Amino acid sequence: MKIHYKIKSENYEFYATITEIENHKYRIKFGGARQCINVSVYKDSIESSLANLNGVSYDLECSIDKNLLAGDGTASRALCAAEMLKCCLKFLLYIYPNIKGYTFKDHSKLKCARHALVKHKNVIIPLYYFYMIKHNKTWYQYKFNAKPKDKDEIIHINELFEFLKNEESKVSLNDFYKTYVVASGCQLKNFKEFFGEIYNKNNCYYDFLKEIIDNYDCGILQIWFQYFMYKHCKFNFGEAFWLIRKSEIDKWKDVTYEKIETKPRFKQNYEGGFFPFGSK
């Protein structure tokens, strides 16, 4: 059995298809011309438990009435993607009002423009690390007040910030270059010449990275940034579960929806994956 919907948020319209699968769960596809959100709701958990947010991707064709883009740049894309996901989760709470929230793993990535110093055309970095430097929170924390399902795991994220903001953690430019840039296999040309002044004038790693992120396209972070953050972050983003609670979703703006007879024909996502700011 499949049921189709049209949903309206403040600025966009979306399709959703709810499919019953093997008599034990519902699979929800959400988007526009392209499927951009995928959710599973298990029948034995509808009354008391959590749904699974399987994946999220960003694309201009995620909405049906106009391109899902309010302007150029990472901030605009993040705003549009956040409105889409909030619309989806809010809509599903109307359909399944007893669900307590949504669990997911944060595999979010950010696709960056090529910088002149970078050889590779396509640079992709972890969005959670990028947002942790830019906003002191991951994208899901910043936009949805998501929490680690295991409350104790937030300790590891706090420890990372303590390390980044501790002036005693910072090594010399030469040592940083050898330990994190060369060791990561990064082929960024003239790293020390380009970053030397910025590195030396900032007293801690956090301020150094923040200045780069605030003033340059993220393509310049190719490889070395992820390698550096991974080396000092004990929080396992690939395996840890996060939670967006119903109590948080209840605060979001209402959406409207209606059943429709027309079956949405979602295009397949390129690269076969789901993550914020994935390939078009």
C-alpha atoms as a PDB file:
ATOM      1  CA  MET A   1       0.000   0.000   0.000  1.00  0.00           C
ATOM      2  CA  LYS A   2       1.255   3.450  -0.917  1.00  0.00           C
ATOM      3  CA  ILE A   3      -0.155   6.823   0.103  1.00  0.00           C
ATOM      4  CA  HIS A   4       1.008  10.064  -1.518  1.00  0.00           C
ATOM      5  CA  TYR A   5       1.009  13.566  -0.061  1.00  0.00           C
ATOM      6  CA  LYS A   6       1.825  17.144  -0.947  1.00  0.00           C
ATOM      7  CA  ILE A   7       3.261  19.154   1.948  1.00  0.00           C
ATOM      8  CA  LYS A   8       3.796  22.900   2.261  1.00  0.00           C
ATOM      9  CA  SER A   9       6.342  24.603   4.492  1.00  0.00           C
ATOM     10  CA  GLU A  10       6.780  28.341   4.830  1.00  0.00           C
ATOM     11  CA  ASN A  11       8.671  28.715   1.544  1.00  0.00           C
ATOM     12  CA  TYR A  12       8.480  25.409  -0.332  1.00  0.00           C
ATOM     13  CA  GLU A  13       6.302  22.494  -1.382  1.00  0.00           C
ATOM     14  CA  PHE A  14       7.291  18.825  -1.232  1.00  0.00           C
ATOM     15  CA  TYR A  15       5.993  15.368  -2.074  1.00  0.00           C
ATOM     16  CA  ALA A  16       5.935  12.405   0.273  1.00  0.00           C
ATOM     17  CA  THR A  17       5.178   8.756  -0.382  1.00  0.00           C
ATOM     18  CA  ILE A  18       4.490   6.375   2.493  1.00  0.00           C
ATOM     19  CA  THR A  19       4.903   2.701   1.597  1.00  0.00           C
ATOM     20  CA  GLU A  20       4.029  -0.274   3.770  1.00  0.00           C
ATOM     21  CA  ILE A  21       6.881  -2.798   3.609  1.00  0.00           C
ATOM     22  CA  GLU A  22       6.540  -6.478   4.530  1.00  0.00           C
ATOM     23  CA  ASN A  23       3.811  -5.735   7.035  1.00  0.00           C
ATOM     24  CA  HIS A  24       6.247  -4.506   9.700  1.00  0.00           C
ATOM     25  CA  LYS A  25       7.315  -0.987   8.753  1.00  0.00           C
ATOM     26  CA  TYR A  26       6.565   2.112   6.716  1.00  0.00           C
ATOM     27  CA  ARG A  27       9.150   3.699   4.437  1.00  0.00           C
ATOM     28  CA  ILE A  28       8.772   7.410   3.732  1.00  0.00           C
ATOM     29  CA  LYS A  29      10.316   9.077   0.706  1.00  0.00           C
ATOM     30  CA  PHE A  30      10.283  12.881   0.781  1.00  0.00           C
ATOM     31  CA  GLY A  31      11.380  15.500  -1.736  1.00  0.00           C
ATOM     32  CA  GLY A  32      10.464  17.087  -5.054  1.00  0.00           C
ATOM     33  CA  ALA A  33      11.669  15.871  -8.435  1.00  0.00           C
ATOM     34  CA  ARG A  34      14.370  14.094  -6.444  1.00  0.00           C
ATOM     35  CA  GLN A  35      14.016  12.049  -3.262  1.00  0.00           C
ATOM     36  CA  CYS A  36      16.020  13.899  -0.625  1.00  0.00           C
ATOM     37  CA  ILE A  37      14.890  12.433   2.714  1.00  0.00           C
ATOM     38  CA  ASN A  38      14.281   8.805   3.664  1.00  0.00           C
ATOM     39  CA  VAL A  39      12.650   7.734   6.949  1.00  0.00           C
ATOM     40  CA  SER A  40      11.604   4.355   8.404  1.00  0.00           C
ATOM     41  CA  VAL A  41       8.789   3.933  10.930  1.00  0.00           C
ATOM     42  CA  TYR A  42       8.466   0.446  12.413  1.00  0.00           C
ATOM     43  CA  LYS A  43       4.946  -0.669  13.278  1.00  0.00           C
ATOM     44  CA  ASP A  44       5.894  -2.104  16.633  1.00  0.00           C
ATOM     45  CA  SER A  45       7.337   1.261  17.654  1.00  0.00           C
ATOM     46  CA  ILE A  46       4.609   3.620  16.471  1.00  0.00           C
ATOM     47  CA  GLU A  47       2.971   3.928  19.865  1.00  0.00           C
ATOM     48  CA  SER A  48       5.965   4.404  22.088  1.00  0.00           C
ATOM     49  CA  SER A  49       9.341   4.605  20.419  1.00  0.00           C
ATOM     50  CA  LEU A  50      11.517   6.259  17.792  1.00  0.00           C
ATOM     51  CA  ALA A  51      11.562   6.447  14.011  1.00  0.00           C
ATOM     52  CA  ASN A  52      14.769   6.174  11.969  1.00  0.00           C
ATOM     53  CA  LEU A  53      16.013   9.044   9.845  1.00  0.00           C
ATOM     54  CA  ASN A  54      17.856   6.991   7.226  1.00  0.00           C
ATOM     55  CA  GLY A  55      19.309   9.805   5.183  1.00  0.00           C
ATOM     56  CA  VAL A  56      19.184  13.416   4.053  1.00  0.00           C
ATOM     57  CA  SER A  57      20.609  14.994   0.921  1.00  0.00           C
ATOM     58  CA  TYR A  58      20.570  18.470  -0.557  1.00  0.00           C
ATOM     59  CA  ASP A  59      19.657  19.222  -4.166  1.00  0.00           C
ATOM     60  CA  LEU A  60      18.015  22.038  -6.117  1.00  0.00           C
ATOM     61  CA  GLU A  61      15.269  19.569  -7.104  1.00  0.00           C
ATOM     62  CA  CYS A  62      14.356  18.582  -3.545  1.00  0.00           C
ATOM     63  CA  SER A  63      11.268  20.842  -3.694  1.00  0.00           C
ATOM     64  CA  ILE A  64       8.516  20.816  -6.321  1.00  0.00           C
ATOM     65  CA  ASP A  65       7.445  24.427  -6.697  1.00  0.00           C
ATOM     66  CA  LYS A  66      10.831  26.110  -7.077  1.00  0.00           C
ATOM     67  CA  ASN A  67      14.506  25.366  -6.681  1.00  0.00           C
ATOM     68  CA  LEU A  68      15.504  24.648  -3.105  1.00  0.00           C
ATOM     69  CA  LEU A  69      17.971  27.485  -2.873  1.00  0.00           C
ATOM     70  CA  ALA A  70      17.487  30.907  -1.313  1.00  0.00           C
ATOM     71  CA  GLY A  71      20.844  32.230  -2.523  1.00  0.00           C
ATOM     72  CA  ASP A  72      24.469  31.368  -3.079  1.00  0.00           C
ATOM     73  CA  GLY A  73      26.795  29.974  -0.467  1.00  0.00           C
ATOM     74  CA  THR A  74      26.919  27.410   2.298  1.00  0.00           C
ATOM     75  CA  ALA A  75      24.725  29.417   4.690  1.00  0.00           C
ATOM     76  CA  SER A  76      21.859  29.632   2.190  1.00  0.00           C
ATOM     77  CA  ARG A  77      22.029  25.935   1.343  1.00  0.00           C
ATOM     78  CA  ALA A  78      22.101  25.051   5.033  1.00  0.00           C
ATOM     79  CA  LEU A  79      19.020  27.198   5.651  1.00  0.00           C
ATOM     80  CA  CYS A  80      17.055  25.590   2.808  1.00  0.00           C
ATOM     81  CA  ALA A  81      18.069  22.053   3.755  1.00  0.00           C
ATOM     82  CA  ALA A  82      17.071  22.716   7.364  1.00  0.00           C
ATOM     83  CA  GLU A  83      13.615  23.975   6.323  1.00  0.00           C
ATOM     84  CA  MET A  84      13.112  20.857   4.189  1.00  0.00           C
ATOM     85  CA  LEU A  85      14.036  18.457   6.989  1.00  0.00           C
ATOM     86  CA  LYS A  86      11.960  20.330   9.571  1.00  0.00           C
ATOM     87  CA  CYS A  87       8.992  20.182   7.208  1.00  0.00           C
ATOM     88  CA  CYS A  88       9.411  16.432   6.753  1.00  0.00           C
ATOM     89  CA  LEU A  89       9.737  15.591  10.460  1.00  0.00           C
ATOM     90  CA  LYS A  90       6.876  17.899  11.406  1.00  0.00           C
ATOM     91  CA  PHE A  91       4.629  16.342   8.748  1.00  0.00           C
ATOM     92  CA  LEU A  92       5.389  12.820   9.963  1.00  0.00           C
ATOM     93  CA  LEU A  93       4.416  13.733  13.509  1.00  0.00           C
ATOM     94  CA  TYR A  94       0.949  14.566  12.174  1.00  0.00           C
ATOM     95  CA  ILE A  95       0.787  11.111  10.584  1.00  0.00           C
ATOM     96  CA  TYR A  96       2.371   9.281  13.548  1.00  0.00           C
ATOM     97  CA  PRO A  97       1.627  11.520  16.566  1.00  0.00           C
ATOM     98  CA  ASN A  98       2.901   9.036  19.171  1.00  0.00           C
ATOM     99  CA  ILE A  99       6.425   8.812  17.819  1.00  0.00           C
ATOM    100  CA  LYS A 100       8.836  10.198  20.423  1.00  0.00           C
ATOM    101  CA  GLY A 101      11.476  11.390  17.988  1.00  0.00           C
ATOM    102  CA  TYR A 102      13.967  10.372  15.314  1.00  0.00           C
ATOM    103  CA  THR A 103      17.343   8.660  15.560  1.00  0.00           C
ATOM    104  CA  PHE A 104      20.120   8.907  12.972  1.00  0.00           C
ATOM    105  CA  LYS A 105      23.855   8.705  12.387  1.00  0.00           C
ATOM    106  CA  ASP A 106      25.592  11.889  11.298  1.00  0.00           C
ATOM    107  CA  HIS A 107      27.448  11.167   8.050  1.00  0.00           C
ATOM    108  CA  SER A 108      26.962  14.723   6.802  1.00  0.00           C
ATOM    109  CA  LYS A 109      29.379  16.113   4.247  1.00  0.00           C
ATOM    110  CA  LEU A 110      29.964  19.441   2.547  1.00  0.00           C
ATOM    111  CA  LYS A 111      30.918  19.748  -1.116  1.00  0.00           C
ATOM    112  CA  CYS A 112      33.337  22.620  -1.663  1.00  0.00           C
ATOM    113  CA  ALA A 113      34.455  24.620  -4.661  1.00  0.00           C
ATOM    114  CA  ARG A 114      37.980  24.009  -5.870  1.00  0.00           C
ATOM    115  CA  HIS A 115      40.580  26.420  -4.492  1.00  0.00           C
ATOM    116  CA  ALA A 116      43.581  27.528  -6.540  1.00  0.00           C
ATOM    117  CA  LEU A 117      45.937  25.759  -4.135  1.00  0.00           C
ATOM    118  CA  VAL A 118      44.086  22.448  -4.452  1.00  0.00           C
ATOM    119  CA  LYS A 119      44.715  19.961  -7.262  1.00  0.00           C
ATOM    120  CA  HIS A 120      41.485  17.995  -6.906  1.00  0.00           C
ATOM    121  CA  LYS A 121      38.340  19.311  -8.608  1.00  0.00           C
ATOM    122  CA  ASN A 122      35.898  18.030  -6.005  1.00  0.00           C
ATOM    123  CA  VAL A 123      36.672  18.556  -2.329  1.00  0.00           C
ATOM    124  CA  ILE A 124      34.313  17.023   0.229  1.00  0.00           C
ATOM    125  CA  ILE A 125      34.773  17.573   3.954  1.00  0.00           C
ATOM    126  CA  PRO A 126      32.741  16.470   7.016  1.00  0.00           C
ATOM    127  CA  LEU A 127      30.001  18.990   7.617  1.00  0.00           C
ATOM    128  CA  TYR A 128      29.970  18.226  11.349  1.00  0.00           C
ATOM    129  CA  TYR A 129      33.613  19.305  11.767  1.00  0.00           C
ATOM    130  CA  PHE A 130      33.043  22.407   9.620  1.00  0.00           C
ATOM    131  CA  TYR A 131      30.030  23.493  11.680  1.00  0.00           C
ATOM    132  CA  MET A 132      31.778  22.714  14.976  1.00  0.00           C
ATOM    133  CA  ILE A 133      34.400  25.305  14.118  1.00  0.00           C
ATOM    134  CA  LYS A 134      32.005  27.829  12.581  1.00  0.00           C
ATOM    135  CA  HIS A 135      29.174  27.558  15.134  1.00  0.00           C
ATOM    136  CA  ASN A 136      30.563  25.492  18.045  1.00  0.00           C
ATOM    137  CA  LYS A 137      27.956  22.842  17.206  1.00  0.00           C
ATOM    138  CA  THR A 138      27.355  20.274  14.479  1.00  0.00           C
ATOM    139  CA  TRP A 139      24.789  21.068  11.772  1.00  0.00           C
ATOM    140  CA  TYR A 140      22.192  18.845  13.442  1.00  0.00           C
ATOM    141  CA  GLN A 141      22.883  20.379  16.854  1.00  0.00           C
ATOM    142  CA  TYR A 142      22.756  23.919  15.489  1.00  0.00           C
ATOM    143  CA  LYS A 143      19.642  23.552  13.334  1.00  0.00           C
ATOM    144  CA  PHE A 144      17.607  20.889  15.191  1.00  0.00           C
ATOM    145  CA  ASN A 145      18.961  20.801  18.749  1.00  0.00           C
ATOM    146  CA  ALA A 146      19.911  17.156  18.198  1.00  0.00           C
ATOM    147  CA  LYS A 147      21.531  15.296  21.107  1.00  0.00           C
ATOM    148  CA  PRO A 148      23.711  12.182  21.229  1.00  0.00           C
ATOM    149  CA  LYS A 149      21.474   9.261  22.171  1.00  0.00           C
ATOM    150  CA  ASP A 150      24.112   8.216  24.682  1.00  0.00           C
ATOM    151  CA  LYS A 151      24.279  11.324  26.862  1.00  0.00           C
ATOM    152  CA  ASP A 152      27.809  10.544  28.025  1.00  0.00           C
ATOM    153  CA  GLU A 153      29.180  10.838  24.493  1.00  0.00           C
ATOM    154  CA  ILE A 154      28.844  14.642  24.486  1.00  0.00           C
ATOM    155  CA  ILE A 155      31.855  14.580  26.825  1.00  0.00           C
ATOM    156  CA  HIS A 156      34.097  13.655  23.881  1.00  0.00           C
ATOM    157  CA  ILE A 157      32.878  16.623  21.833  1.00  0.00           C
ATOM    158  CA  ASN A 158      33.484  18.965  24.770  1.00  0.00           C
ATOM    159  CA  GLU A 159      36.974  17.524  25.184  1.00  0.00           C
ATOM    160  CA  LEU A 160      37.708  18.321  21.541  1.00  0.00           C
ATOM    161  CA  PHE A 161      36.746  21.969  22.070  1.00  0.00           C
ATOM    162  CA  GLU A 162      38.901  22.129  25.194  1.00  0.00           C
ATOM    163  CA  PHE A 163      41.855  20.893  23.163  1.00  0.00           C
ATOM    164  CA  LEU A 164      41.211  23.274  20.267  1.00  0.00           C
ATOM    165  CA  LYS A 165      40.901  26.326  22.541  1.00  0.00           C
ATOM    166  CA  ASN A 166      43.826  25.493  24.793  1.00  0.00           C
ATOM    167  CA  GLU A 167      46.829  27.630  23.813  1.00  0.00           C
ATOM    168  CA  GLU A 168      49.203  24.999  25.158  1.00  0.00           C
ATOM    169  CA  SER A 169      47.947  22.464  22.597  1.00  0.00           C
ATOM    170  CA  LYS A 170      49.255  24.429  19.642  1.00  0.00           C
ATOM    171  CA  VAL A 171      52.569  23.361  18.091  1.00  0.00           C
ATOM    172  CA  SER A 172      54.845  25.293  15.744  1.00  0.00           C
ATOM    173  CA  LEU A 173      53.878  25.808  12.118  1.00  0.00           C
ATOM    174  CA  ASN A 174      56.587  23.392  10.950  1.00  0.00           C
ATOM    175  CA  ASP A 175      55.411  20.688  13.358  1.00  0.00           C
ATOM    176  CA  PHE A 176      51.771  21.218  12.365  1.00  0.00           C
ATOM    177  CA  TYR A 177      52.700  20.943   8.700  1.00  0.00           C
ATOM    178  CA  LYS A 178      54.617  17.688   9.182  1.00  0.00           C
ATOM    179  CA  THR A 179      52.162  16.118  11.649  1.00  0.00           C
ATOM    180  CA  TYR A 180      48.857  16.907   9.942  1.00  0.00           C
ATOM    181  CA  VAL A 181      49.377  18.150   6.395  1.00  0.00           C
ATOM    182  CA  VAL A 182      52.161  15.876   5.149  1.00  0.00           C
ATOM    183  CA  ALA A 183      50.963  12.906   7.213  1.00  0.00           C
ATOM    184  CA  SER A 184      47.427  13.237   5.811  1.00  0.00           C
ATOM    185  CA  GLY A 185      48.662  12.940   2.238  1.00  0.00           C
ATOM    186  CA  CYS A 186      47.360  16.415   1.449  1.00  0.00           C
ATOM    187  CA  GLN A 187      48.765  17.873  -1.777  1.00  0.00           C
ATOM    188  CA  LEU A 188      47.936  21.476  -0.967  1.00  0.00           C
ATOM    189  CA  LYS A 189      50.554  23.704  -2.598  1.00  0.00           C
ATOM    190  CA  ASN A 190      52.536  26.153  -0.470  1.00  0.00           C
ATOM    191  CA  PHE A 191      50.632  25.409   2.741  1.00  0.00           C
ATOM    192  CA  LYS A 192      53.150  27.117   5.038  1.00  0.00           C
ATOM    193  CA  GLU A 193      53.509  30.170   2.811  1.00  0.00           C
ATOM    194  CA  PHE A 194      49.754  30.609   2.463  1.00  0.00           C
ATOM    195  CA  PHE A 195      48.738  29.864   6.073  1.00  0.00           C
ATOM    196  CA  GLY A 196      51.887  30.916   7.941  1.00  0.00           C
ATOM    197  CA  GLU A 197      50.787  34.399   8.974  1.00  0.00           C
ATOM    198  CA  ILE A 198      47.285  33.249   9.968  1.00  0.00           C
ATOM    199  CA  TYR A 199      48.650  30.293  11.929  1.00  0.00           C
ATOM    200  CA  ASN A 200      51.284  32.260  13.836  1.00  0.00           C
ATOM    201  CA  LYS A 201      49.084  35.204  14.816  1.00  0.00           C
ATOM    202  CA  ASN A 202      46.376  33.004  16.401  1.00  0.00           C
ATOM    203  CA  ASN A 203      47.054  31.596  19.849  1.00  0.00           C
ATOM    204  CA  CYS A 204      45.028  28.381  19.566  1.00  0.00           C
ATOM    205  CA  TYR A 205      43.896  25.899  16.928  1.00  0.00           C
ATOM    206  CA  TYR A 206      40.279  26.973  17.184  1.00  0.00           C
ATOM    207  CA  ASP A 207      41.011  30.614  16.320  1.00  0.00           C
ATOM    208  CA  PHE A 208      43.270  29.544  13.450  1.00  0.00           C
ATOM    209  CA  LEU A 209      40.623  27.275  11.925  1.00  0.00           C
ATOM    210  CA  LYS A 210      37.817  29.765  12.560  1.00  0.00           C
ATOM    211  CA  GLU A 211      39.639  32.491  10.660  1.00  0.00           C
ATOM    212  CA  ILE A 212      40.171  30.182   7.693  1.00  0.00           C
ATOM    213  CA  ILE A 213      36.549  28.993   7.621  1.00  0.00           C
ATOM    214  CA  ASP A 214      35.185  32.519   7.965  1.00  0.00           C
ATOM    215  CA  ASN A 215      37.317  33.944   5.164  1.00  0.00           C
ATOM    216  CA  TYR A 216      37.967  31.211   2.594  1.00  0.00           C
ATOM    217  CA  ASP A 217      35.966  28.653   0.666  1.00  0.00           C
ATOM    218  CA  CYS A 218      36.001  25.268   2.367  1.00  0.00           C
ATOM    219  CA  GLY A 219      37.916  23.735  -0.560  1.00  0.00           C
ATOM    220  CA  ILE A 220      41.109  24.931   1.064  1.00  0.00           C
ATOM    221  CA  LEU A 221      40.475  22.505   3.952  1.00  0.00           C
ATOM    222  CA  GLN A 222      41.055  19.513   1.664  1.00  0.00           C
ATOM    223  CA  ILE A 223      42.140  16.355   3.570  1.00  0.00           C
ATOM    224  CA  TRP A 224      44.314  17.976   6.246  1.00  0.00           C
ATOM    225  CA  PHE A 225      41.377  19.518   8.166  1.00  0.00           C
ATOM    226  CA  GLN A 226      39.488  16.236   8.468  1.00  0.00           C
ATOM    227  CA  TYR A 227      42.690  14.402   9.390  1.00  0.00           C
ATOM    228  CA  PHE A 228      43.523  16.926  12.122  1.00  0.00           C
ATOM    229  CA  MET A 229      40.025  16.910  13.633  1.00  0.00           C
ATOM    230  CA  TYR A 230      39.763  13.132  13.492  1.00  0.00           C
ATOM    231  CA  LYS A 231      43.075  12.752  15.328  1.00  0.00           C
ATOM    232  CA  HIS A 232      41.757  14.745  18.285  1.00  0.00           C
ATOM    233  CA  CYS A 233      38.064  13.815  18.387  1.00  0.00           C
ATOM    234  CA  LYS A 234      37.139  10.671  20.321  1.00  0.00           C
ATOM    235  CA  PHE A 235      33.471  11.015  19.339  1.00  0.00           C
ATOM    236  CA  ASN A 236      32.749   8.465  16.595  1.00  0.00           C
ATOM    237  CA  PHE A 237      30.491  10.280  14.139  1.00  0.00           C
ATOM    238  CA  GLY A 238      30.277   7.224  11.903  1.00  0.00           C
ATOM    239  CA  GLU A 239      28.775   4.994  14.589  1.00  0.00           C
ATOM    240  CA  ALA A 240      27.137   7.181  17.232  1.00  0.00           C
ATOM    241  CA  PHE A 241      23.369   7.654  17.207  1.00  0.00           C
ATOM    242  CA  TRP A 242      21.818  11.101  17.535  1.00  0.00           C
ATOM    243  CA  LEU A 243      18.294  11.967  18.593  1.00  0.00           C
ATOM    244  CA  ILE A 244      15.868  14.726  17.572  1.00  0.00           C
ATOM    245  CA  ARG A 245      13.100  14.677  20.161  1.00  0.00           C
ATOM    246  CA  LYS A 246       9.417  15.253  19.552  1.00  0.00           C
ATOM    247  CA  SER A 247       9.451  17.979  22.204  1.00  0.00           C
ATOM    248  CA  GLU A 248      11.863  19.925  20.001  1.00  0.00           C
ATOM    249  CA  ILE A 249       9.878  19.331  16.800  1.00  0.00           C
ATOM    250  CA  ASP A 250       6.723  20.594  18.518  1.00  0.00           C
ATOM    251  CA  LYS A 251       8.350  24.052  18.679  1.00  0.00           C
ATOM    252  CA  TRP A 252       8.829  24.284  14.909  1.00  0.00           C
ATOM    253  CA  LYS A 253       6.493  26.094  12.536  1.00  0.00           C
ATOM    254  CA  ASP A 254       3.410  24.189  11.419  1.00  0.00           C
ATOM    255  CA  VAL A 255       3.145  22.761   7.921  1.00  0.00           C
ATOM    256  CA  THR A 256       0.092  21.873   5.859  1.00  0.00           C
ATOM    257  CA  TYR A 257      -0.455  18.692   3.868  1.00  0.00           C
ATOM    258  CA  GLU A 258      -2.999  16.897   1.699  1.00  0.00           C
ATOM    259  CA  LYS A 259      -3.365  13.460   0.156  1.00  0.00           C
ATOM    260  CA  ILE A 260      -2.932  13.334  -3.601  1.00  0.00           C
ATOM    261  CA  GLU A 261      -3.671  10.714  -6.222  1.00  0.00           C
ATOM    262  CA  THR A 262      -0.660  11.464  -8.412  1.00  0.00           C
ATOM    263  CA  LYS A 263       2.338   9.277  -7.662  1.00  0.00           C
ATOM    264  CA  PRO A 264       5.562  11.279  -7.247  1.00  0.00           C
ATOM    265  CA  ARG A 265       8.317  10.003  -9.510  1.00  0.00           C
ATOM    266  CA  PHE A 266      11.448  10.654  -7.528  1.00  0.00           C
ATOM    267  CA  LYS A 267      14.724  10.638  -9.405  1.00  0.00           C
ATOM    268  CA  GLN A 268      17.483   8.561  -7.904  1.00  0.00           C
ATOM    269  CA  ASN A 269      20.184  10.447  -6.025  1.00  0.00           C
ATOM    270  CA  TYR A 270      23.561  10.514  -7.709  1.00  0.00           C
ATOM    271  CA  GLU A 271      26.236   8.516  -5.912  1.00  0.00           C
ATOM    272  CA  GLY A 272      23.427   6.498  -4.307  1.00  0.00           C
ATOM    273  CA  GLY A 273      23.842   8.174  -0.950  1.00  0.00           C
ATOM    274  CA  PHE A 274      22.171  10.459   1.483  1.00  0.00           C
ATOM    275  CA  PHE A 275      23.899  13.280   3.289  1.00  0.00           C
ATOM    276  CA  PRO A 276      23.400  17.040   3.597  1.00  0.00           C
ATOM    277  CA  PHE A 277      24.910  18.845   0.635  1.00  0.00           C
ATOM    278  CA  GLY A 278      25.509  15.720  -1.413  1.00  0.00           C
ATOM    279  CA  SER A 279      26.048  15.721  -5.139  1.00  0.00           C
ATOM    280  CA  LYS A 280      23.310  17.027  -7.396  1.00  0.00           C
END
